[in-house]
Protein backbone atom coordinates (compact mmCIF):
# COMPACT_ATOMS: atom_id res chain seq x y z
CA UNK A 1 -4.85 75.59 9.04
CA UNK A 2 -5.67 72.02 10.14
CA UNK A 3 -5.18 71.19 13.80
CA UNK A 4 -4.97 67.56 15.02
CA UNK A 5 -6.13 66.98 18.55
CA UNK A 6 -5.03 63.96 20.59
CA UNK A 7 -7.99 62.44 22.39
CA UNK A 8 -7.35 61.45 26.01
CA UNK A 9 -10.83 60.16 26.82
CA UNK A 10 -10.58 57.36 29.40
CA UNK A 11 -13.79 55.74 28.11
CA UNK A 12 -12.05 54.56 24.94
CA UNK A 13 -9.43 52.39 26.65
CA UNK A 14 -10.87 51.62 30.09
CA UNK A 15 -12.64 48.30 30.65
CA UNK A 16 -16.15 48.38 32.10
CA UNK A 17 -15.59 45.08 33.96
CA UNK A 18 -12.44 43.26 34.97
CA UNK A 19 -13.46 40.25 32.82
CA UNK A 20 -13.49 42.31 29.61
CA UNK A 21 -10.62 42.23 27.17
CA UNK A 22 -8.15 45.07 27.37
CA UNK A 23 -8.67 47.48 24.49
CA UNK A 24 -5.50 48.07 22.48
CA UNK A 25 -5.57 50.40 19.50
CA UNK A 26 -3.05 49.85 16.71
CA UNK A 27 -2.64 51.51 13.36
CA UNK A 28 -2.14 48.79 10.74
CA UNK A 29 -1.34 51.18 7.91
CA UNK A 30 1.52 49.53 5.92
CA UNK A 31 2.99 52.95 5.09
CA UNK A 32 3.94 53.38 8.75
CA UNK A 33 5.81 50.03 8.78
CA UNK A 34 7.66 49.66 5.46
CA UNK A 35 9.80 46.71 6.61
CA UNK A 36 6.98 44.46 7.84
CA UNK A 37 7.02 42.18 4.76
CA UNK A 38 10.77 41.74 4.86
CA UNK A 39 10.64 40.96 8.58
CA UNK A 40 7.85 38.41 8.11
CA UNK A 41 9.75 36.72 5.26
CA UNK A 42 12.87 36.40 7.41
CA UNK A 43 10.78 34.93 10.23
CA UNK A 44 9.18 32.45 7.80
CA UNK A 45 12.62 31.30 6.56
CA UNK A 46 13.87 30.93 10.15
CA UNK A 47 10.73 29.03 11.20
CA UNK A 48 11.16 26.62 8.28
CA UNK A 49 14.82 26.06 9.18
CA UNK A 50 13.92 25.47 12.83
CA UNK A 51 11.38 22.84 11.72
CA UNK A 52 14.16 20.89 10.04
CA UNK A 53 16.51 21.32 12.98
CA UNK A 54 13.98 20.06 15.55
CA UNK A 55 12.60 17.26 13.34
CA UNK A 56 12.74 14.16 15.56
CA UNK A 57 9.91 11.97 14.23
CA UNK A 58 10.94 8.62 15.72
CA UNK A 59 9.50 8.05 19.22
CA UNK A 60 10.23 4.40 19.95
CA UNK A 61 10.05 0.76 18.88
CA UNK A 62 7.78 -1.94 20.29
CA UNK A 63 9.29 -5.42 20.09
CA UNK A 64 7.85 -8.78 21.09
CA UNK A 65 6.89 -10.55 17.86
CA UNK A 66 9.02 -13.46 16.70
CA UNK A 67 8.32 -12.98 12.98
CA UNK A 68 7.57 -10.14 10.56
CA UNK A 69 4.54 -7.96 11.37
CA UNK A 70 2.00 -8.58 8.61
CA UNK A 71 -1.11 -6.61 9.65
CA UNK A 72 -2.44 -4.09 12.15
CA UNK A 73 -5.83 -2.78 13.30
CA UNK A 74 -6.86 0.24 15.36
CA UNK A 75 -9.02 -0.03 18.46
CA UNK A 76 -11.94 2.39 17.90
CA UNK A 77 -12.76 2.51 21.62
CA UNK A 78 -9.32 3.42 22.94
CA UNK A 79 -6.96 6.03 21.61
CA UNK A 80 -3.82 4.30 22.83
CA UNK A 81 -4.67 0.72 21.77
CA UNK A 82 -3.56 -1.01 18.57
CA UNK A 83 -3.59 -4.65 17.46
CA UNK A 84 -0.80 -6.30 15.49
CA UNK A 85 -0.50 -9.73 13.88
CA UNK A 86 2.64 -11.52 12.73
CA UNK A 87 3.52 -14.40 10.44
CA UNK A 88 4.18 -16.72 13.41
CA UNK A 89 0.46 -16.67 14.33
CA UNK A 90 0.82 -14.27 17.27
CA UNK A 91 -1.62 -11.36 17.79
CA UNK A 92 -0.89 -8.64 20.35
CA UNK A 93 -2.75 -5.70 21.82
CA UNK A 94 -0.35 -2.82 22.46
CA UNK A 95 -0.54 0.18 24.74
CA UNK A 96 1.00 2.92 22.57
CA UNK A 97 1.50 5.32 25.49
CA UNK A 98 3.51 2.78 27.53
CA UNK A 99 4.86 1.02 24.38
CA UNK A 100 4.26 -2.45 25.82
CA UNK A 101 2.01 -5.47 25.28
CA UNK A 102 -1.32 -5.48 27.11
CA UNK A 103 -2.29 -9.05 26.15
CA UNK A 104 -1.72 -11.74 23.52
CA UNK A 105 -4.23 -13.61 21.34
CA UNK A 106 -2.50 -16.89 20.51
CA UNK A 107 -4.41 -19.60 18.70
CA UNK A 108 -3.53 -19.37 14.98
CA UNK A 109 -1.46 -22.21 13.55
CA UNK A 110 -0.15 -20.17 10.63
CA UNK A 111 0.58 -16.59 9.68
CA UNK A 112 -2.00 -13.92 10.57
CA UNK A 113 -2.95 -12.07 7.39
CA UNK A 114 -5.82 -9.85 8.48
CA UNK A 115 -7.09 -8.03 11.60
CA UNK A 116 -10.22 -5.90 12.05
CA UNK A 117 -12.03 -4.52 15.09
CA UNK A 118 -15.79 -4.03 15.33
CA UNK A 119 -17.23 -0.53 15.45
CA UNK A 120 -17.75 -0.61 19.22
CA UNK A 121 -14.27 -2.07 19.78
CA UNK A 122 -15.54 -5.12 21.71
CA UNK A 123 -14.76 -7.81 19.11
CA UNK A 124 -11.54 -8.47 17.20
CA UNK A 125 -11.70 -10.52 13.98
CA UNK A 126 -8.58 -12.29 12.72
CA UNK A 127 -7.87 -14.55 9.77
CA UNK A 128 -4.81 -16.23 8.36
CA UNK A 129 -3.15 -18.86 6.23
CA UNK A 130 -4.49 -21.69 8.45
CA UNK A 131 -7.93 -21.34 6.74
CA UNK A 132 -9.65 -20.14 9.92
CA UNK A 133 -11.48 -17.02 11.07
CA UNK A 134 -11.37 -16.31 14.80
CA UNK A 135 -13.41 -13.89 16.92
CA UNK A 136 -11.87 -12.53 20.12
CA UNK A 137 -13.31 -10.61 23.05
CA UNK A 138 -11.27 -7.46 23.60
CA UNK A 139 -10.41 -6.94 27.31
CA UNK A 140 -11.73 -3.44 27.93
CA UNK A 141 -10.72 -3.16 31.60
CA UNK A 142 -7.21 -4.34 30.87
CA UNK A 143 -6.94 -1.73 28.13
CA UNK A 144 -7.93 0.96 30.64
CA UNK A 145 -5.20 -0.13 33.06
CA UNK A 146 -2.46 -2.11 31.37
CA UNK A 147 -0.05 -2.15 34.32
CA UNK A 148 -1.21 -5.51 35.75
CA UNK A 149 -2.07 -7.51 32.64
CA UNK A 150 1.05 -7.51 30.46
CA UNK A 151 1.61 -10.70 28.56
CA UNK A 152 -1.68 -12.47 29.41
CA UNK A 153 -2.75 -14.96 26.72
CA UNK A 154 -6.42 -14.99 25.64
CA UNK A 155 -8.38 -17.63 23.72
CA UNK A 156 -10.92 -17.00 20.91
CA UNK A 157 -14.64 -16.97 21.59
CA UNK A 158 -15.45 -18.36 18.10
CA UNK A 159 -13.45 -20.32 15.54
CA UNK A 160 -14.72 -20.80 11.96
CA UNK A 161 -12.90 -23.17 9.58
CA UNK A 162 -13.26 -22.58 5.85
CA UNK A 163 -12.10 -24.11 2.55
CA UNK A 164 -9.21 -21.78 1.62
CA UNK A 165 -6.56 -19.52 3.16
CA UNK A 166 -7.42 -15.90 3.90
CA UNK A 167 -5.45 -12.84 2.87
CA UNK A 168 -7.30 -9.96 4.54
CA UNK A 169 -10.36 -9.03 6.61
CA UNK A 170 -12.30 -5.84 7.23
CA UNK A 171 -15.30 -4.99 9.41
CA UNK A 172 -18.32 -2.91 8.53
CA UNK A 173 -18.15 0.64 9.90
CA UNK A 174 -21.69 0.33 11.22
CA UNK A 175 -23.08 -3.20 11.56
CA UNK A 176 -22.27 -6.79 12.48
CA UNK A 177 -20.92 -7.96 9.12
CA UNK A 178 -17.29 -8.46 8.16
CA UNK A 179 -15.64 -9.51 4.90
CA UNK A 180 -12.75 -11.92 4.30
CA UNK A 181 -10.87 -12.37 1.04
CA UNK A 182 -8.77 -15.13 -0.47
CA UNK A 183 -9.96 -17.37 -3.29
CA UNK A 184 -13.22 -15.36 -3.17
CA UNK A 185 -14.94 -12.59 -1.19
CA UNK A 186 -16.95 -13.96 1.76
CA UNK A 187 -19.36 -11.93 3.89
CA UNK A 188 -19.72 -13.18 7.50
CA UNK A 189 -21.95 -12.39 10.45
CA UNK A 190 -20.80 -12.53 14.08
CA UNK A 191 -23.45 -15.14 14.88
CA UNK A 192 -23.02 -17.42 11.84
CA UNK A 193 -20.33 -20.07 11.40
CA UNK A 194 -20.59 -19.99 7.59
CA UNK A 195 -20.59 -16.99 5.21
CA UNK A 196 -23.93 -15.32 4.64
CA UNK A 197 -22.88 -14.33 1.12
CA UNK A 198 -20.02 -14.94 -1.32
CA UNK A 199 -18.83 -13.09 -4.41
CA UNK A 200 -16.49 -14.28 -7.13
CA UNK A 201 -15.27 -12.50 -10.26
CA UNK A 202 -12.45 -14.45 -11.88
CA UNK A 203 -10.22 -17.14 -10.39
CA UNK A 204 -7.34 -15.03 -9.05
CA UNK A 205 -6.55 -14.48 -5.38
CA UNK A 206 -8.09 -11.41 -3.73
CA UNK A 207 -5.45 -9.78 -1.49
CA UNK A 208 -7.10 -6.77 0.23
CA UNK A 209 -10.55 -5.51 1.22
CA UNK A 210 -11.94 -2.27 2.69
CA UNK A 211 -15.50 -1.26 3.58
CA UNK A 212 -16.70 2.21 2.66
CA UNK A 213 -16.99 4.48 5.75
CA UNK A 214 -20.00 6.39 4.40
CA UNK A 215 -21.99 3.58 2.79
CA UNK A 216 -21.78 0.43 5.00
CA UNK A 217 -22.88 -1.94 2.19
CA UNK A 218 -20.15 -0.91 -0.29
CA UNK A 219 -16.66 -2.44 -0.24
CA UNK A 220 -13.61 -2.42 -2.51
CA UNK A 221 -11.10 -5.23 -3.08
CA UNK A 222 -7.87 -5.67 -5.01
CA UNK A 223 -6.72 -8.95 -6.56
CA UNK A 224 -3.57 -10.51 -7.97
CA UNK A 225 -4.98 -10.16 -11.52
CA UNK A 226 -4.23 -6.38 -11.20
CA UNK A 227 -7.90 -5.53 -10.67
CA UNK A 228 -9.78 -3.27 -8.25
CA UNK A 229 -13.38 -4.40 -7.75
CA UNK A 230 -16.33 -2.61 -6.14
CA UNK A 231 -19.07 -4.67 -4.44
CA UNK A 232 -22.49 -3.73 -3.11
CA UNK A 233 -23.96 -6.14 -0.55
CA UNK A 234 -27.47 -5.21 -1.69
CA UNK A 235 -26.73 -6.71 -5.11
CA UNK A 236 -26.20 -10.35 -6.01
CA UNK A 237 -23.09 -9.71 -8.12
CA UNK A 238 -20.06 -7.36 -8.11
CA UNK A 239 -20.72 -3.84 -9.33
CA UNK A 240 -17.61 -2.62 -11.21
CA UNK A 241 -14.10 -3.75 -11.96
CA UNK A 242 -11.03 -1.68 -12.87
CA UNK A 243 -8.00 -3.45 -14.40
CA UNK A 244 -4.60 -1.72 -14.13
CA UNK A 245 -1.20 -2.56 -15.58
CA UNK A 246 0.26 -3.54 -12.19
CA UNK A 247 -1.09 -5.12 -9.02
CA UNK A 248 -2.67 -3.10 -6.21
CA UNK A 249 -1.47 -4.21 -2.77
CA UNK A 250 -3.84 -2.22 -0.56
CA UNK A 251 -6.82 0.15 -0.69
CA UNK A 252 -8.05 2.82 1.70
CA UNK A 253 -11.15 5.04 1.56
CA UNK A 254 -11.01 8.71 2.46
CA UNK A 255 -13.07 8.97 5.71
CA UNK A 256 -14.11 12.58 5.00
CA UNK A 257 -14.87 12.07 1.29
CA UNK A 258 -16.22 8.49 1.12
CA UNK A 259 -16.60 8.60 -2.67
CA UNK A 260 -12.80 8.70 -3.04
CA UNK A 261 -10.27 5.95 -2.39
CA UNK A 262 -6.52 5.58 -2.84
CA UNK A 263 -4.79 2.43 -4.10
CA UNK A 264 -1.21 1.46 -3.18
CA UNK A 265 0.35 -0.05 -6.28
CA UNK A 266 3.29 -2.28 -7.23
CA UNK A 267 4.68 0.37 -9.63
CA UNK A 268 5.88 2.59 -6.71
CA UNK A 269 2.91 4.97 -7.01
CA UNK A 270 -0.42 5.51 -5.28
CA UNK A 271 -3.53 6.36 -7.30
CA UNK A 272 -6.52 8.28 -5.95
CA UNK A 273 -9.84 7.52 -7.67
CA UNK A 274 -13.39 8.80 -7.58
CA UNK A 275 -15.84 5.86 -7.75
CA UNK A 276 -18.10 7.96 -9.98
CA UNK A 277 -15.36 8.30 -12.62
CA UNK A 278 -12.99 5.35 -12.67
CA UNK A 279 -11.61 5.87 -16.18
CA UNK A 280 -8.81 8.08 -14.83
CA UNK A 281 -7.07 8.71 -11.53
CA UNK A 282 -7.70 12.00 -9.75
CA UNK A 283 -4.12 12.23 -8.45
CA UNK A 284 -0.98 10.12 -8.92
CA UNK A 285 1.13 10.17 -5.76
CA UNK A 286 4.80 9.57 -6.59
CA UNK A 287 8.10 9.32 -4.65
CA UNK A 288 8.53 5.70 -3.52
CA UNK A 289 11.22 3.70 -5.32
CA UNK A 290 9.73 0.25 -4.70
CA UNK A 291 6.32 -1.37 -4.35
CA UNK A 292 3.89 0.35 -1.95
CA UNK A 293 2.67 -2.32 0.47
CA UNK A 294 0.09 -0.56 2.66
CA UNK A 295 -1.81 2.71 3.00
CA UNK A 296 -3.96 4.35 5.67
CA UNK A 297 -5.80 7.67 5.77
CA UNK A 298 -5.66 10.15 8.62
CA UNK A 299 -9.01 10.56 10.46
CA UNK A 300 -9.08 14.13 9.12
CA UNK A 301 -9.00 12.87 5.51
CA UNK A 302 -6.41 15.50 4.59
CA UNK A 303 -3.38 13.16 4.59
CA UNK A 304 -2.47 9.51 4.26
CA UNK A 305 0.58 7.42 5.15
CA UNK A 306 2.17 4.72 3.01
CA UNK A 307 4.66 1.95 3.79
CA UNK A 308 6.87 0.54 1.08
CA UNK A 309 9.16 -2.34 0.18
CA UNK A 310 11.98 0.26 -0.05
CA UNK A 311 12.05 0.40 3.80
CA UNK A 312 10.58 3.90 4.10
CA UNK A 313 7.34 5.51 5.28
CA UNK A 314 5.96 8.53 3.45
CA UNK A 315 3.17 10.96 4.32
CA UNK A 316 1.21 12.52 1.44
CA UNK A 317 -1.43 15.20 1.27
CA UNK A 318 -4.67 13.81 -0.12
CA UNK A 319 -4.33 15.99 -3.25
CA UNK A 320 -0.52 16.20 -3.44
CA UNK A 321 1.54 14.38 -6.04
CA UNK A 322 4.70 14.32 -3.90
CA UNK A 323 5.19 13.33 -0.26
CA UNK A 324 5.61 16.00 2.38
CA UNK A 325 7.56 13.71 4.74
CA UNK A 326 9.74 10.59 4.63
CA UNK A 327 10.66 8.47 7.67
CA UNK A 328 13.39 5.81 7.81
CA UNK A 329 15.83 4.22 10.24
CA UNK A 330 18.91 2.06 9.71
CA UNK A 331 17.33 -0.98 11.36
CA UNK A 332 13.87 -0.78 9.80
CA UNK A 333 13.39 -3.32 7.01
CA UNK A 334 10.56 -3.70 4.48
CA UNK A 335 7.40 -2.04 5.77
CA UNK A 336 4.32 -4.27 5.42
CA UNK A 337 1.67 -2.28 7.33
CA UNK A 338 1.09 1.29 8.49
CA UNK A 339 -1.67 2.99 10.52
CA UNK A 340 -2.56 6.50 11.63
CA UNK A 341 -3.54 6.87 15.28
CA UNK A 342 -7.18 7.78 15.96
CA UNK A 343 -6.23 11.37 16.85
CA UNK A 344 -4.04 11.83 13.71
CA UNK A 345 -1.02 12.72 15.90
CA UNK A 346 1.02 9.55 15.43
CA UNK A 347 1.90 6.96 12.79
CA UNK A 348 2.53 3.29 13.62
CA UNK A 349 4.45 1.03 11.25
CA UNK A 350 5.05 -2.73 11.22
CA UNK A 351 8.00 -4.14 9.32
CA UNK A 352 9.91 -7.27 8.37
CA UNK A 353 12.27 -6.91 11.36
CA UNK A 354 9.49 -7.97 13.82
CA UNK A 355 9.12 -4.48 15.32
CA UNK A 356 6.36 -1.91 15.49
CA UNK A 357 7.59 1.67 15.40
CA UNK A 358 5.89 4.79 16.66
CA UNK A 359 6.39 8.08 14.76
CA UNK A 360 5.10 11.61 15.07
CA UNK A 361 2.79 12.67 12.24
CA UNK A 362 4.46 16.10 12.39
CA UNK A 363 8.21 15.54 12.61
CA UNK A 364 9.03 18.75 14.51
CA UNK A 365 5.92 18.81 16.73
CA UNK A 366 6.63 19.49 20.39
CA UNK A 367 5.30 16.72 22.64
CA UNK A 368 3.78 17.33 26.05
CA UNK A 369 1.64 20.14 27.42
CA UNK A 370 2.18 23.51 25.74
CA UNK A 371 1.85 26.82 27.53
CA UNK A 372 -0.59 29.26 25.89
CA UNK A 373 2.34 31.45 24.86
CA UNK A 374 4.14 28.51 23.22
CA UNK A 375 0.98 27.46 21.39
CA UNK A 376 0.46 30.99 20.04
CA UNK A 377 4.06 31.09 18.86
CA UNK A 378 3.69 27.78 16.98
CA UNK A 379 0.44 28.96 15.38
CA UNK A 380 2.12 32.20 14.28
CA UNK A 381 5.06 30.32 12.76
CA UNK A 382 2.71 27.93 10.95
CA UNK A 383 0.78 30.89 9.52
CA UNK A 384 4.03 32.48 8.31
CA UNK A 385 5.15 29.26 6.61
CA UNK A 386 1.75 28.89 4.96
CA UNK A 387 1.86 32.47 3.67
CA UNK A 388 5.38 32.28 2.21
CA UNK A 389 5.56 28.60 1.20
CA UNK A 390 5.47 29.46 -2.54
CA UNK A 391 8.68 31.52 -2.41
CA UNK A 392 11.77 29.67 -3.69
CA UNK A 393 13.91 29.75 -0.56
CA UNK A 394 11.13 28.65 1.80
CA UNK A 395 9.96 25.96 -0.65
CA UNK A 396 13.52 24.60 -1.04
CA UNK A 397 14.06 24.31 2.73
CA UNK A 398 10.61 22.75 3.24
CA UNK A 399 11.18 20.06 0.64
CA UNK A 400 14.74 19.12 1.52
CA UNK A 401 15.15 15.72 3.20
CA UNK A 402 18.22 13.57 3.83
CA UNK A 403 17.75 10.16 2.22
CA UNK A 404 19.61 6.89 2.74
CA UNK A 405 22.13 6.29 -0.05
CA UNK A 406 20.27 3.28 -1.59
CA UNK A 407 17.01 5.28 -1.73
CA UNK A 408 18.78 8.30 -3.22
CA UNK A 409 20.49 6.22 -5.92
CA UNK A 410 17.29 4.34 -6.75
CA UNK A 411 15.34 7.62 -7.01
CA UNK A 412 18.00 9.08 -9.33
CA UNK A 413 17.92 5.97 -11.52
CA UNK A 414 14.12 6.03 -11.60
CA UNK A 415 14.09 9.69 -12.67
CA UNK A 416 16.58 8.89 -15.44
CA UNK A 417 14.37 6.07 -16.73
CA UNK A 418 11.23 8.24 -16.65
CA UNK A 419 13.03 11.06 -18.52
CA UNK A 420 14.27 8.58 -21.12
CA UNK A 421 10.72 7.32 -21.68
CA UNK A 422 9.46 10.89 -22.10
CA UNK A 423 12.16 11.69 -24.66
CA UNK A 424 11.35 8.49 -26.55
CA UNK A 425 7.66 9.44 -26.72
CA UNK A 426 8.52 12.98 -27.89
CA UNK A 427 10.78 11.67 -30.65
CA UNK A 428 8.16 9.14 -31.74
CA UNK A 429 5.54 11.91 -32.04
CA UNK A 430 7.98 14.23 -33.82
CA UNK A 431 8.75 11.63 -36.51
CA UNK A 432 5.16 10.44 -37.03
CA UNK A 433 2.33 11.85 -39.10
CA UNK A 434 0.43 14.63 -37.28
CA UNK A 435 -2.42 13.20 -35.26
CA UNK A 436 -1.40 9.56 -35.71
CA UNK A 437 -0.19 9.24 -32.10
CA UNK A 438 -2.53 10.44 -29.36
CA UNK A 439 -1.08 11.86 -26.15
CA UNK A 440 -2.52 10.04 -23.15
CA UNK A 441 -2.05 11.54 -19.66
CA UNK A 442 -0.29 9.43 -17.03
CA UNK A 443 -3.49 9.37 -14.93
CA UNK A 444 -5.12 7.29 -17.69
CA UNK A 445 -2.06 5.45 -18.97
CA UNK A 446 -1.88 2.92 -16.12
CA UNK A 447 -5.51 1.80 -16.57
CA UNK A 448 -6.19 -0.98 -19.07
CA UNK A 449 -9.99 -1.17 -18.96
CA UNK A 450 -13.08 -0.72 -16.81
CA UNK A 451 -15.64 -3.57 -16.66
CA UNK A 452 -19.23 -3.21 -15.42
């Protein structure tokens, strides 16, 4: 006969010191708790529903510009600072926390097309349609305390006049060089009034430029001839050129994987590429119903935000083909520029209605200081949603979003057109000789050629 003895030894559950953790013994045998899975599933469904109920992504609007907001730049030195430029020539430094203007940089005679801040955050570079590049000294003390300096107008420290209008500018991640684009790609130094180097490949206008975060001498541009071009400043000529079927409006490198970049295209999609293999896209990110105007990666490199001509903002996972979130308001018009905040908690958008808007990166995230108990509860709910996200009910609730009627109708029409094209291709293959028509994946279909 087997006899079980209950141990009552105080050494097993008594702490040696008051700072030690309290010992708690639990039996995790699933046979003793047969309803644990069902209970967890119910909690996961409820947590997903609560996310949708408490989704309040819009925080506030920042108004002050007199014309549409055309470009933005983050301040690397200050978490709550962001620069914006508009088509009336006005540049503003905003305090995101207070949602008000810290100071204005007013000297451009035409629209501001590009803004970029230096790595240390001390110098702001701007360019525009008035054929000038201007360097500005960023007021650090006023950024620290913006209560007494609202609305002050600053003048540029340097003004460089050039032969053509500029469309975009970007600064090296580590160095004193910056690049401007327009009729050609020009490389400038802070201390030189003329470009130190110029690149030209074709006669079409170059519309965007981005330096690589991992390799300071590598940059990528997109042009109106539907091309994406890679440049290396250590070489005397451009390195590689990729020609697509439609124009690319903006490019952004992944800060955590600097060999990858994503291109925002006119055909409503975004394409992620690996520079080592440009003959096909790694991922095609779909969901927009109009041209994608701007793109920016989160500092974590796991997500990116896009702004579109269809008046919506979408957040994608870096390897996801569909967006996880869509933001829109009744008053927001065509979105021309978007940025992630430096802590990846917020998204800032600039649109045609002269306003900047501040959004939460996580729509249902609770703002303010969380108690330890609240934080543990949110972490537990997130873990439950991650565990059960593949089940149909949880997946359906996660993906459901209310869309404005024009967006919904346009998406339905776009799906109908895509399905019709697929059926046409299937019928063409079915009524052709076997092997006469090759099936090309969509990741390769939008690329015309690659030139080296």
